[in-house]
Each structure stands twice: as C-alpha cells, then as structure tokens.
Amino acid sequence: MRLLQLLSIMSIGALTFAGVVLRPGVVRGDIFVANIDTNSIGQYTNSGATINASLITGLNHPGGIAVSGGDLFVTNYLGGTISEYTTAGVPVNTHLLSGLANPSGVAVSGSSLFVTNYEGRTISEFTLGATPGTIAASNPNFISESQYPYGIAVSGSNLFVANYDGGTIGEYTTSGAVVNAALVSGLYSPQDLTVSGTNIFVTSFNITGWIGQYTTSGATVNPALVMGMGLSYPTGIAVSGGNLFVANENFGTVSEYTTSGAAVNTALISGLHSPVGLAVTDVPEPGSLCLLLLGGGAMVACRRRGTGTSNAGKGTPEYSRQIGSRVESGSTRRRKGVKDGKGRHV
C-alpha cells in the first residue's frame, strides 16, 4: 500500500499551496535458500552477494520456506516438523509443529499456515497464535490430496498446489473447498509454484528442467517458458520485483529470469548444497520526495528519500502477527522411491 505524506502551507495572498509527497514502490529484498545437504538456510542479497550462508543450521532435511513479516517458517521433511525463526535467524520455536507426514511446502496467509504433507497426501491448516511460536488451532486433514502434494502458494482467497505424482496443479479456497483439483494437468513432475497476478509459474523436476507458465484460470501460456538456460532439477521458485528466482538442486545455484522467460543471471547464487526451498522478501522502495507548488503550477524540487527498511511482510516493518500481506512458498524435492547414501529418496 502506498504511503502518502502531505505537508501543506497555504499562502492566503498568492493562493500558493506547497506539498511534500512521498510515494515508495516495492522492490525485491533478500533471498533465503534451504540446503538439504548441509541442513541449513542461507541468506543472500538480491544481487547474489552472501549475507550469511549459514543463517540457520541444525535442520532436518529442510525444504519449503515461507517468509512473513519478521517470521521465517521452514519444513523439515525427514523430521516431520515445521520450525519458526526470525528473518535474522533467531529461533522462535524449532518445533512449532510436529508429527507431520513428510512436510514439503509451506505458505502463510493472514494468521493461517498451510502445509503440504507429501507422504500423508494431505494439506494441513494451522492458526498461528497471538504469541510468536505458538499455534492456536490445528486442522491436519484440511484437504485430502491423492496425488502427493508438494509446492503450495496462496493468492487472495485461493490455494494452488503442485501435485508431483499426478502431474497437476489443484486449486482450493483457503476455507478448504475444492475449486478445481486438476486446474492444470499433463505436467511433468511439478515441484513448486508461485503466483504473480493472474499467472502461475511452476517448476518441473527434471535434469534439464523447465518452468511453465499458466493462468490462474488454468489456461496454458507457455509450458516451457524457461527450458535449460541454467536449470537442472529446479525445485523452489519465487517471484519478486517482476523477476523469477529458481533453486537448482543439481547445479547448486539460484537462477534469475524475467517473467517473460529471459535469463537475467543463470548463476545469481552459486556454491550451494542441494538447494530446494527458496523465498524472496519484498521491501519498500525509497520514495521520491517532491516539493509541489500548486497555483504557480510548477514542480520546484524532487529528491530521493533515504534507504528503506527491509520488510519481508510487505506490510508493517515491525514484528507483527498480522502476516496477511506476504505470501511466499517453497517445497522440497521428491523423496519417494529409492534412498541414496544421504538418506534422500530419488
């Protein structure tokens, strides 16, 4: 929501009106990436510079990440838990939720936390408590899904779910009603998805890898919007500032593309350790500070305001349980089938 500050001075004789107007936009902030080989989450700038490669450690096969306000939620696939931290990496509750069936994706909307349970084939809903690190209500079988749900995203009052085995994207309301369980079908191992406006972008978990684009009404825009071009087993995906950010588990990178599919930087971040979940925060853009003279009909001066404060929630910068203005999602890789030497399913 734009901030509008107006300071006015009225000169009675000349009928001159002066005003100072501040109009900040939104730009992308920091990037958080979950690494399953090191059981950690790293933090990076939007230009790919490392802030803290080990911001959070001691996780158990971390996957989906959701950032909202001052909170960061992460799924622990093998531990069957959801952990909560601040975006500065401080633990809030490392076992916020437990007893889940291989949680993969996570998304936050308002005070609701939605989790996909891959092996449980369900979507769970939990109500965050007023006190950080607490749960006020639980509905573990909020939605039943027979096709092994992975990634999840919230847009408005709707949930969009990537069903890995079924090759579909399902749509549900945030109340749990089915809108269309196969809104998009015929996909190849859909792993994670993100929603921007009326568009859905989804990763296909494949050695070559691609990103498909569809509308929120299920129409195909481009099933291979990005193909190759730095992708290899793409997993988590997020959109921010008009660009797509994708974690590549095989290459250990995060790639950046425009929402039109053009490569910006196929190795924006490199040297990662099997990256899967990914979240990008949004911050207010430093606004323009303008002095307007109305009556004289001229703009006298305009200058840039100082740097904005990082705000993962797109809403108030302070820590708050009013989380609804931020929606992020993420998911882990597929782990059904044969285990490798690291205990992962491949």
Protein backbone atom coordinates (compact mmCIF):
# COMPACT_ATOMS: atom_id res chain seq x y z
CA MET A 1 0.00 0.00 0.00
CA ARG A 2 1.44 3.29 -0.95
CA LEU A 3 2.33 5.73 1.77
CA LEU A 4 1.23 9.28 1.10
CA GLN A 5 2.51 12.03 3.33
CA LEU A 6 1.36 15.58 2.68
CA LEU A 7 2.61 18.67 4.44
CA SER A 8 0.86 21.79 3.26
CA ILE A 9 1.40 25.50 3.51
CA MET A 10 -1.23 27.94 2.27
CA SER A 11 -0.30 31.48 1.37
CA ILE A 12 -3.52 33.48 1.57
CA GLY A 13 -2.43 36.33 -0.69
CA ALA A 14 -0.84 34.30 -3.50
CA LEU A 15 -3.05 31.22 -3.03
CA THR A 16 0.09 29.11 -3.27
CA PHE A 17 -0.04 25.52 -1.99
CA ALA A 18 3.15 23.64 -1.25
CA GLY A 19 3.34 19.91 -0.53
CA VAL A 20 5.85 17.18 0.23
CA VAL A 21 4.81 13.87 -1.32
CA LEU A 22 6.42 10.50 -0.60
CA ARG A 23 5.48 7.63 -2.93
CA PRO A 24 7.51 4.48 -2.38
CA GLY A 25 7.08 1.41 -4.57
CA VAL A 26 8.16 -2.17 -3.87
CA VAL A 27 11.45 -3.83 -4.81
CA ARG A 28 12.86 -7.24 -4.00
CA GLY A 29 14.83 -7.70 -0.81
CA ASP A 30 16.84 -10.64 0.49
CA ILE A 31 16.85 -14.23 -0.75
CA PHE A 32 16.60 -17.17 1.68
CA VAL A 33 17.63 -20.63 0.43
CA ALA A 34 17.28 -24.03 2.14
CA ASN A 35 20.14 -26.51 1.53
CA ILE A 36 19.32 -30.15 2.22
CA ASP A 37 22.92 -31.41 2.18
CA THR A 38 24.01 -29.04 4.95
CA ASN A 39 20.64 -28.86 6.74
CA SER A 40 20.85 -25.10 6.68
CA ILE A 41 19.32 -21.89 5.34
CA GLY A 42 21.48 -19.19 3.80
CA GLN A 43 20.68 -15.52 3.30
CA TYR A 44 21.77 -13.51 0.26
CA THR A 45 21.19 -10.07 -1.23
CA ASN A 46 19.05 -9.62 -4.33
CA SER A 47 22.25 -9.17 -6.31
CA GLY A 48 23.54 -12.56 -5.17
CA ALA A 49 26.03 -11.45 -2.51
CA THR A 50 26.31 -13.64 0.58
CA ILE A 51 24.95 -12.18 3.82
CA ASN A 52 25.16 -15.37 5.87
CA ALA A 53 25.50 -18.75 4.19
CA SER A 54 24.67 -20.48 7.49
CA LEU A 55 21.97 -18.18 8.85
CA ILE A 56 20.08 -21.16 10.27
CA THR A 57 21.63 -24.58 10.93
CA GLY A 58 20.68 -27.87 12.59
CA LEU A 59 17.60 -28.51 10.44
CA ASN A 60 16.43 -31.94 9.31
CA HIS A 61 16.23 -32.05 5.53
CA PRO A 62 14.82 -28.52 5.15
CA GLY A 63 12.63 -27.75 2.18
CA GLY A 64 9.79 -25.28 1.86
CA ILE A 65 10.31 -21.77 3.20
CA ALA A 66 7.72 -19.08 3.84
CA VAL A 67 8.64 -15.59 5.00
CA SER A 68 6.05 -13.30 6.52
CA GLY A 69 6.68 -10.13 8.46
CA GLY A 70 9.57 -10.89 10.80
CA ASP A 71 8.94 -14.65 10.65
CA LEU A 72 10.57 -17.41 8.63
CA PHE A 73 8.89 -20.84 8.56
CA VAL A 74 10.66 -23.91 7.20
CA THR A 75 9.61 -27.52 6.69
CA ASN A 76 11.81 -30.36 7.96
CA TYR A 77 10.94 -33.18 5.59
CA LEU A 78 12.57 -36.05 7.47
CA GLY A 79 11.82 -34.65 10.91
CA GLY A 80 8.13 -34.18 10.19
CA THR A 81 8.23 -30.72 11.73
CA ILE A 82 7.84 -27.01 10.98
CA SER A 83 10.38 -24.65 12.55
CA GLU A 84 9.93 -20.94 13.12
CA TYR A 85 12.76 -18.38 13.20
CA THR A 86 13.07 -14.65 12.80
CA THR A 87 14.45 -13.45 9.48
CA ALA A 88 17.62 -12.65 11.45
CA GLY A 89 17.99 -16.37 12.15
CA VAL A 90 16.95 -16.31 15.80
CA PRO A 91 14.97 -19.43 16.84
CA VAL A 92 11.36 -18.73 17.82
CA ASN A 93 10.19 -22.34 18.07
CA THR A 94 12.18 -25.08 16.33
CA HIS A 95 9.26 -27.49 16.83
CA LEU A 96 6.36 -25.19 16.10
CA LEU A 97 4.60 -28.21 14.57
CA SER A 98 5.50 -31.89 14.79
CA GLY A 99 4.11 -35.27 13.75
CA LEU A 100 3.63 -34.25 10.12
CA ALA A 101 3.94 -36.74 7.26
CA ASN A 102 6.97 -35.52 5.30
CA PRO A 103 6.04 -31.83 5.08
CA SER A 104 7.22 -30.34 1.81
CA GLY A 105 5.63 -26.98 1.03
CA VAL A 106 4.52 -24.18 3.32
CA ALA A 107 2.61 -20.93 2.77
CA VAL A 108 1.26 -18.22 5.05
CA SER A 109 -1.84 -16.07 4.63
CA GLY A 110 -3.06 -13.90 7.47
CA SER A 111 -2.83 -16.00 10.63
CA SER A 112 -3.16 -19.25 8.66
CA LEU A 113 -0.24 -21.55 7.95
CA PHE A 114 -0.77 -24.12 5.17
CA VAL A 115 1.46 -27.21 4.85
CA THR A 116 1.60 -29.94 2.22
CA ASN A 117 2.28 -33.44 3.59
CA TYR A 118 3.83 -35.43 0.77
CA GLU A 119 3.57 -38.94 2.18
CA GLY A 120 0.39 -38.12 4.10
CA ARG A 121 -1.17 -36.81 0.87
CA THR A 122 -2.93 -34.03 2.75
CA ILE A 123 -2.83 -30.28 3.14
CA SER A 124 -2.91 -29.13 6.75
CA GLU A 125 -4.03 -25.77 8.10
CA PHE A 126 -2.85 -24.25 11.37
CA THR A 127 -3.77 -20.99 13.02
CA LEU A 128 -0.83 -19.06 14.38
CA GLY A 129 -1.21 -17.90 17.96
CA ALA A 130 -1.01 -14.28 19.08
CA THR A 131 2.24 -15.11 20.86
CA PRO A 132 5.11 -15.87 18.44
CA GLY A 133 6.00 -19.56 18.35
CA THR A 134 2.54 -20.83 19.26
CA ILE A 135 -0.35 -22.49 17.44
CA ALA A 136 -3.93 -21.55 18.31
CA ALA A 137 -5.77 -24.18 16.25
CA SER A 138 -4.98 -27.20 14.06
CA ASN A 139 -6.66 -28.97 11.16
CA PRO A 140 -4.19 -31.64 9.97
CA ASN A 141 -6.58 -33.08 7.35
CA PHE A 142 -7.77 -29.77 5.97
CA ILE A 143 -7.68 -31.04 2.36
CA SER A 144 -7.14 -34.62 1.20
CA GLU A 145 -4.90 -34.99 -1.86
CA SER A 146 -4.31 -38.38 -3.50
CA GLN A 147 -1.52 -37.22 -5.81
CA TYR A 148 1.34 -36.45 -3.43
CA PRO A 149 1.21 -32.66 -3.00
CA TYR A 150 4.47 -30.73 -2.95
CA GLY A 151 4.64 -26.99 -3.52
CA ILE A 152 1.90 -24.65 -2.33
CA ALA A 153 1.12 -20.97 -2.88
CA VAL A 154 -1.62 -18.65 -1.71
CA SER A 155 -3.16 -15.92 -3.85
CA GLY A 156 -6.05 -13.97 -2.38
CA SER A 157 -8.55 -16.48 -1.02
CA ASN A 158 -7.25 -19.40 -3.09
CA LEU A 159 -4.61 -22.08 -2.62
CA PHE A 160 -2.66 -23.55 -5.54
CA VAL A 161 -0.95 -26.91 -5.04
CA ALA A 162 1.60 -28.73 -7.20
CA ASN A 163 0.87 -32.48 -7.21
CA TYR A 164 4.15 -34.20 -8.03
CA ASP A 165 2.92 -37.68 -8.90
CA GLY A 166 -0.33 -36.60 -10.53
CA GLY A 167 1.29 -34.00 -12.76
CA THR A 168 -1.36 -31.45 -11.87
CA ILE A 169 -1.98 -28.15 -10.15
CA GLY A 170 -5.01 -28.16 -7.88
CA GLU A 171 -6.95 -25.10 -6.79
CA TYR A 172 -8.79 -24.78 -3.47
CA THR A 173 -10.17 -21.98 -1.39
CA THR A 174 -8.46 -21.03 1.85
CA SER A 175 -11.59 -22.45 3.51
CA GLY A 176 -10.76 -25.89 2.11
CA ALA A 177 -13.34 -26.10 -0.69
CA VAL A 178 -12.32 -27.68 -3.99
CA VAL A 179 -12.31 -25.21 -6.88
CA ASN A 180 -10.61 -27.48 -9.42
CA ALA A 181 -8.47 -30.41 -8.30
CA ALA A 182 -6.89 -30.56 -11.78
CA LEU A 183 -6.81 -26.91 -12.77
CA VAL A 184 -3.71 -27.65 -14.85
CA SER A 185 -2.88 -31.20 -15.93
CA GLY A 186 -0.33 -33.05 -18.05
CA LEU A 187 2.66 -31.60 -16.19
CA TYR A 188 5.94 -33.44 -15.71
CA SER A 189 6.83 -33.82 -12.02
CA PRO A 190 5.65 -30.37 -10.90
CA GLN A 191 7.74 -29.46 -7.90
CA ASP A 192 6.94 -25.96 -6.74
CA LEU A 193 4.93 -22.98 -7.91
CA THR A 194 4.47 -19.28 -7.37
CA VAL A 195 1.64 -16.93 -8.31
CA SER A 196 2.01 -13.42 -9.69
CA GLY A 197 -1.18 -11.59 -10.60
CA THR A 198 -3.13 -13.93 -12.86
CA ASN A 199 -0.11 -16.09 -13.70
CA ILE A 200 1.17 -19.33 -12.18
CA PHE A 201 4.81 -20.31 -12.67
CA VAL A 202 5.70 -23.93 -11.92
CA THR A 203 8.99 -25.87 -11.90
CA SER A 204 9.32 -29.35 -13.40
CA PHE A 205 11.84 -31.53 -11.55
CA ASN A 206 14.00 -32.86 -14.36
CA ILE A 207 17.70 -33.00 -15.19
CA THR A 208 17.17 -30.45 -17.96
CA GLY A 209 14.41 -28.72 -16.09
CA TRP A 210 11.89 -26.15 -17.18
CA ILE A 211 9.45 -23.58 -15.89
CA GLY A 212 5.90 -23.50 -17.23
CA GLN A 213 3.52 -20.55 -17.20
CA TYR A 214 -0.26 -20.86 -16.82
CA THR A 215 -3.07 -18.55 -15.87
CA THR A 216 -4.92 -18.84 -12.56
CA SER A 217 -7.93 -19.99 -14.58
CA GLY A 218 -5.90 -22.95 -15.90
CA ALA A 219 -5.08 -21.76 -19.43
CA THR A 220 -1.65 -22.57 -20.85
CA VAL A 221 0.51 -19.53 -21.55
CA ASN A 222 3.84 -21.25 -22.20
CA PRO A 223 4.56 -24.80 -20.92
CA ALA A 224 8.31 -24.24 -21.47
CA LEU A 225 8.72 -20.57 -20.60
CA VAL A 226 12.27 -21.33 -19.45
CA MET A 227 13.97 -24.54 -20.55
CA GLY A 228 17.59 -25.37 -19.86
CA MET A 229 19.33 -21.99 -19.55
CA GLY A 230 20.93 -22.86 -16.22
CA LEU A 231 18.16 -25.12 -14.93
CA SER A 232 18.85 -28.63 -13.66
CA TYR A 233 16.42 -30.29 -11.29
CA PRO A 234 14.75 -26.95 -10.50
CA THR A 235 12.97 -27.00 -7.16
CA GLY A 236 11.85 -23.90 -5.26
CA ILE A 237 10.58 -20.87 -7.16
CA ALA A 238 9.62 -17.36 -6.07
CA VAL A 239 8.66 -14.14 -7.85
CA SER A 240 9.65 -10.68 -6.70
CA GLY A 241 10.24 -7.32 -8.34
CA GLY A 242 8.99 -8.66 -11.68
CA ASN A 243 11.57 -11.48 -11.79
CA LEU A 244 11.58 -15.21 -11.11
CA PHE A 245 14.12 -16.84 -8.78
CA VAL A 246 14.67 -20.60 -9.04
CA ALA A 247 16.74 -23.02 -6.94
CA ASN A 248 18.59 -25.69 -8.95
CA GLU A 249 19.33 -28.70 -6.78
CA ASN A 250 21.70 -30.35 -9.25
CA PHE A 251 23.85 -27.28 -10.02
CA GLY A 252 23.78 -25.82 -6.53
CA THR A 253 22.62 -22.46 -7.83
CA VAL A 254 19.83 -19.91 -7.77
CA SER A 255 18.93 -18.58 -11.22
CA GLU A 256 17.10 -15.36 -12.05
CA TYR A 257 14.80 -14.80 -15.03
CA THR A 258 12.25 -12.24 -16.09
CA THR A 259 8.60 -13.31 -16.00
CA SER A 260 8.85 -13.28 -19.82
CA GLY A 261 11.42 -16.08 -19.63
CA ALA A 262 14.60 -14.13 -20.42
CA ALA A 263 17.71 -15.07 -18.45
CA VAL A 264 18.95 -12.35 -16.10
CA ASN A 265 21.62 -14.38 -14.32
CA THR A 266 21.59 -18.18 -14.50
CA ALA A 267 24.00 -18.42 -11.57
CA LEU A 268 22.95 -15.46 -9.43
CA ILE A 269 23.99 -17.50 -6.39
CA SER A 270 26.34 -20.49 -6.68
CA GLY A 271 28.20 -22.92 -4.46
CA LEU A 272 25.03 -24.05 -2.68
CA HIS A 273 24.48 -27.55 -1.29
CA SER A 274 21.43 -29.12 -2.94
CA PRO A 275 19.23 -26.01 -2.65
CA VAL A 276 15.50 -26.68 -2.59
CA GLY A 277 13.22 -24.21 -0.82
CA LEU A 278 13.53 -20.54 -1.66
CA ALA A 279 11.89 -17.30 -0.58
CA VAL A 280 12.46 -13.69 -1.61
CA THR A 281 11.36 -10.85 0.63
CA ASP A 282 9.96 -7.53 -0.57
CA VAL A 283 10.94 -4.13 0.81
CA PRO A 284 9.60 -0.61 0.23
CA GLU A 285 11.49 1.27 -2.46
CA PRO A 286 12.96 4.59 -1.32
CA GLY A 287 10.32 7.09 -2.35
CA SER A 288 10.61 10.32 -4.21
CA LEU A 289 10.40 13.39 -2.00
CA CYS A 290 8.83 16.14 -4.06
CA LEU A 291 8.01 19.77 -3.35
CA LEU A 292 4.97 20.84 -5.34
CA LEU A 293 3.71 24.37 -5.84
CA LEU A 294 0.07 24.43 -6.79
CA GLY A 295 -1.23 27.73 -8.03
CA GLY A 296 2.13 28.50 -9.60
CA GLY A 297 1.63 25.22 -11.50
CA ALA A 298 5.26 24.10 -11.20
CA MET A 299 7.22 21.32 -9.52
CA VAL A 300 10.04 23.10 -7.75
CA ALA A 301 12.15 20.22 -6.48
CA CYS A 302 12.22 16.44 -6.23
CA ARG A 303 14.78 14.28 -4.45
CA ARG A 304 15.12 10.66 -3.42
CA ARG A 305 14.38 9.71 0.15
CA GLY A 306 16.91 7.66 2.12
CA THR A 307 17.16 3.89 2.14
CA GLY A 308 14.14 1.85 3.10
CA THR A 309 13.99 -0.82 5.76
CA SER A 310 13.88 -4.48 4.75
CA ASN A 311 10.38 -5.76 5.29
CA ALA A 312 9.62 -9.37 4.49
CA GLY A 313 5.93 -8.87 5.05
CA LYS A 314 5.08 -6.15 2.53
CA GLY A 315 3.16 -4.59 5.38
CA THR A 316 4.33 -3.01 8.61
CA PRO A 317 8.09 -3.25 9.11
CA GLU A 318 7.80 -4.14 12.79
CA TYR A 319 7.33 -7.69 14.03
CA SER A 320 3.63 -8.50 13.95
CA ARG A 321 1.21 -11.39 13.76
CA GLN A 322 -0.70 -9.52 11.05
CA ILE A 323 1.02 -11.59 8.40
CA GLY A 324 -1.54 -11.49 5.62
CA SER A 325 0.22 -9.08 3.30
CA ARG A 326 3.00 -11.51 2.49
CA VAL A 327 2.63 -14.78 0.66
CA GLU A 328 5.60 -16.97 -0.05
CA SER A 329 6.01 -20.62 -0.60
CA GLY A 330 8.50 -23.36 -1.20
CA SER A 331 8.88 -27.09 -1.40
CA THR A 332 11.39 -29.88 -1.15
CA ARG A 333 12.47 -32.31 -3.85
CA ARG A 334 10.76 -35.63 -4.44
CA ARG A 335 11.81 -38.30 -2.00
CA LYS A 336 9.57 -41.16 -2.90
CA GLY A 337 11.35 -44.30 -4.07
CA VAL A 338 14.94 -45.44 -3.54
CA LYS A 339 17.10 -43.78 -0.91
CA ASP A 340 20.59 -42.61 -1.80
CA GLY A 341 23.60 -42.64 0.52
CA LYS A 342 22.40 -39.47 2.24
CA GLY A 343 19.02 -40.91 3.13
CA ARG A 344 17.23 -38.97 0.42
CA HIS A 345 14.63 -40.52 -1.83
CA VAL A 346 15.42 -40.12 -5.52
